[in-house]
Amino acid sequence: MTYFPYNAQVAGALVEELAHHAGGSIDKLKLVKLMYLVDRTALIEEGYPVIGGKYCSMPYGPVISEFLDDLNNGKWEEDGIGVRENAVCVTSRKLGDYLSDWIRELAGRIYEQYRTLDGVQLMKLLRRECREWKYPDGSSVPISLSDIPGCAAKEAEAFAAELNAMSK
């Protein structure tokens, strides 16, 4: 299965951006779902993701695997991003230079679209609306680019394969 390379710096900057829209702190489950929606929307609209990585179906809906691992392992604590209880708190914005104006606009648009939903409501919505999500029966199931409706999968997979080849 072909995936776009994961970019942890952009992921951290996107966390900062989404938390900024939420006032500096955001529910962890909601953040994980918003990150997926930003990448999914970018794939559909532009043919490439914002942060990339391996998409998978988990019991709480679709996620970007590497991002969830980084968040759970405190990847950006030195950058002022920490997880406390079920909230992700941003105390400084050190990574913002990694985002283009287009990514900031997209993040703001996605945040505003789902602003009134909490993490559980957003999870339930994604499990209903994202046709690529399959119930994983307690584990996880990979989501391929071709599983995402509206994604020009063949072109995206060819582009992803080229990027992966260049990064080796």
Protein backbone atom coordinates (compact mmCIF):
# COMPACT_ATOMS: atom_id res chain seq x y z
CA MET A 1 0.00 0.00 0.00
CA THR A 2 1.37 3.41 -0.97
CA TYR A 3 1.28 6.36 1.43
CA PHE A 4 2.62 9.88 1.35
CA PRO A 5 5.64 10.43 3.62
CA TYR A 6 4.69 11.69 7.08
CA ASN A 7 5.92 15.18 8.04
CA ALA A 8 6.13 15.54 11.83
CA GLN A 9 7.12 19.22 11.73
CA VAL A 10 4.07 20.16 9.70
CA ALA A 11 1.93 17.95 11.95
CA GLY A 12 3.16 19.85 15.03
CA ALA A 13 2.52 23.19 13.34
CA LEU A 14 -0.98 22.07 12.38
CA VAL A 15 -1.64 21.10 16.02
CA GLU A 16 -0.62 24.63 17.00
CA GLU A 17 -2.92 26.12 14.36
CA LEU A 18 -5.97 24.06 15.31
CA ALA A 19 -5.40 24.64 19.04
CA HIS A 20 -5.08 28.36 18.33
CA HIS A 21 -8.55 28.32 16.71
CA ALA A 22 -9.84 26.55 19.82
CA GLY A 23 -8.32 29.13 22.19
CA GLY A 24 -5.06 27.31 23.03
CA SER A 25 -6.45 23.97 24.20
CA ILE A 26 -8.39 21.35 22.27
CA ASP A 27 -9.95 17.98 23.10
CA LYS A 28 -7.50 15.24 22.08
CA LEU A 29 -10.08 13.09 20.28
CA LYS A 30 -11.40 16.12 18.41
CA LEU A 31 -7.86 17.12 17.40
CA VAL A 32 -7.05 13.66 16.07
CA LYS A 33 -10.22 13.71 13.95
CA LEU A 34 -9.62 17.28 12.71
CA MET A 35 -6.07 16.34 11.66
CA TYR A 36 -7.48 13.46 9.62
CA LEU A 37 -10.11 15.74 8.07
CA VAL A 38 -7.51 18.34 7.07
CA ASP A 39 -5.40 15.69 5.33
CA ARG A 40 -8.42 14.02 3.74
CA THR A 41 -9.75 17.34 2.43
CA ALA A 42 -6.34 18.26 1.01
CA LEU A 43 -6.14 14.90 -0.78
CA ILE A 44 -9.58 15.40 -2.32
CA GLU A 45 -9.13 19.07 -3.23
CA GLU A 46 -5.45 19.18 -4.21
CA GLY A 47 -4.31 15.59 -4.73
CA TYR A 48 -1.80 15.58 -1.87
CA PRO A 49 -2.06 15.68 1.93
CA VAL A 50 -0.85 18.26 4.44
CA ILE A 51 1.03 15.91 6.79
CA GLY A 52 0.81 12.50 5.09
CA GLY A 53 1.41 9.19 6.81
CA LYS A 54 -0.51 5.96 7.10
CA TYR A 55 -4.26 6.29 7.42
CA CYS A 56 -6.09 3.61 9.33
CA SER A 57 -9.50 2.70 10.68
CA MET A 58 -9.52 2.36 14.44
CA PRO A 59 -12.47 1.78 16.79
CA TYR A 60 -12.81 5.56 17.35
CA GLY A 61 -12.78 6.36 13.62
CA PRO A 62 -10.14 7.10 10.99
CA VAL A 63 -6.72 8.38 12.12
CA ILE A 64 -3.25 9.18 10.82
CA SER A 65 -1.21 6.49 12.54
CA GLU A 66 2.14 8.30 12.86
CA PHE A 67 0.46 11.46 14.11
CA LEU A 68 -1.42 9.59 16.83
CA ASP A 69 1.82 7.86 17.90
CA ASP A 70 3.70 11.18 18.02
CA LEU A 71 0.93 12.83 20.03
CA ASN A 72 0.76 9.95 22.50
CA ASN A 73 4.56 9.88 22.86
CA GLY A 74 4.97 13.62 23.57
CA LYS A 75 6.82 14.39 20.31
CA TRP A 76 6.23 18.16 20.55
CA GLU A 77 6.54 18.76 24.32
CA GLU A 78 9.74 20.81 23.87
CA ASP A 79 7.81 22.94 21.36
CA GLY A 80 5.11 23.79 23.91
CA ILE A 81 2.55 21.16 22.90
CA GLY A 82 1.45 18.87 25.71
CA VAL A 83 -1.31 16.38 26.43
CA ARG A 84 -2.98 16.81 29.80
CA GLU A 85 -5.83 14.46 30.60
CA ASN A 86 -7.84 14.44 27.37
CA ALA A 87 -6.79 17.91 26.21
CA VAL A 88 -3.95 19.05 24.00
CA CYS A 89 -2.58 22.36 25.27
CA VAL A 90 -0.35 24.69 23.28
CA THR A 91 1.68 27.17 25.32
CA SER A 92 3.75 28.61 22.46
CA ARG A 93 3.68 28.66 18.68
CA LYS A 94 7.19 27.65 17.65
CA LEU A 95 6.37 25.57 14.56
CA GLY A 96 4.14 27.96 12.60
CA ASP A 97 6.73 28.58 9.88
CA TYR A 98 6.03 25.09 8.54
CA LEU A 99 2.54 26.10 7.36
CA SER A 100 1.66 27.88 4.13
CA ASP A 101 -1.20 30.34 3.93
CA TRP A 102 -3.20 27.68 2.09
CA ILE A 103 -2.75 25.17 4.93
CA ARG A 104 -3.72 27.81 7.50
CA GLU A 105 -6.86 28.62 5.49
CA LEU A 106 -7.73 24.94 5.15
CA ALA A 107 -7.22 24.32 8.88
CA GLY A 108 -9.41 27.31 9.72
CA ARG A 109 -12.12 26.15 7.33
CA ILE A 110 -12.13 22.62 8.77
CA TYR A 111 -12.10 23.92 12.34
CA GLU A 112 -15.04 26.26 11.68
CA GLN A 113 -17.02 23.53 9.95
CA TYR A 114 -16.81 21.26 13.01
CA ARG A 115 -16.31 23.87 15.76
CA THR A 116 -19.54 23.05 17.61
CA LEU A 117 -18.88 19.30 17.81
CA ASP A 118 -17.00 17.68 20.67
CA GLY A 119 -14.59 14.78 20.11
CA VAL A 120 -17.18 12.02 20.53
CA GLN A 121 -19.69 13.74 18.22
CA LEU A 122 -16.99 14.23 15.60
CA MET A 123 -15.86 10.62 15.93
CA LYS A 124 -19.43 9.39 15.39
CA LEU A 125 -19.85 11.70 12.39
CA LEU A 126 -16.65 10.45 10.75
CA ARG A 127 -17.58 6.82 11.36
CA ARG A 128 -20.86 7.52 9.52
CA GLU A 129 -19.66 9.89 6.79
CA CYS A 130 -16.16 8.68 5.87
CA ARG A 131 -16.90 5.70 3.68
CA GLU A 132 -13.26 4.62 3.85
CA TRP A 133 -13.65 3.83 7.58
CA LYS A 134 -14.31 0.15 8.34
CA TYR A 135 -14.95 -1.22 11.81
CA PRO A 136 -11.61 -2.79 12.79
CA ASP A 137 -12.99 -5.20 15.41
CA GLY A 138 -10.78 -3.89 18.22
CA SER A 139 -7.61 -3.46 16.17
CA SER A 140 -6.84 -1.29 13.14
CA VAL A 141 -7.34 -1.64 9.40
CA PRO A 142 -5.25 0.28 6.83
CA ILE A 143 -7.01 2.88 4.68
CA SER A 144 -5.55 3.15 1.18
CA LEU A 145 -5.70 6.30 -0.90
CA SER A 146 -8.08 4.51 -3.27
CA ASP A 147 -10.50 3.96 -0.35
CA ILE A 148 -11.03 7.72 0.07
CA PRO A 149 -13.99 8.87 -2.07
CA GLY A 150 -13.12 11.81 -4.30
CA CYS A 151 -9.37 11.23 -4.09
CA ALA A 152 -7.72 10.81 -7.49
CA ALA A 153 -6.10 7.66 -6.12
CA LYS A 154 -3.98 6.57 -9.09
CA GLU A 155 -2.41 10.00 -9.47
CA ALA A 156 -1.99 10.41 -5.70
CA GLU A 157 -0.43 6.97 -5.32
CA ALA A 158 2.00 7.62 -8.19
CA PHE A 159 2.98 10.98 -6.64
CA ALA A 160 3.37 9.35 -3.20
CA ALA A 161 5.56 6.60 -4.66
CA GLU A 162 7.81 9.22 -6.30
CA LEU A 163 8.14 11.13 -3.00
CA ASN A 164 8.94 7.94 -1.10
CA ALA A 165 11.58 6.99 -3.66
CA MET A 166 13.21 10.42 -3.36
CA SER A 167 13.33 10.23 0.43
CA LYS A 168 15.29 6.95 0.43
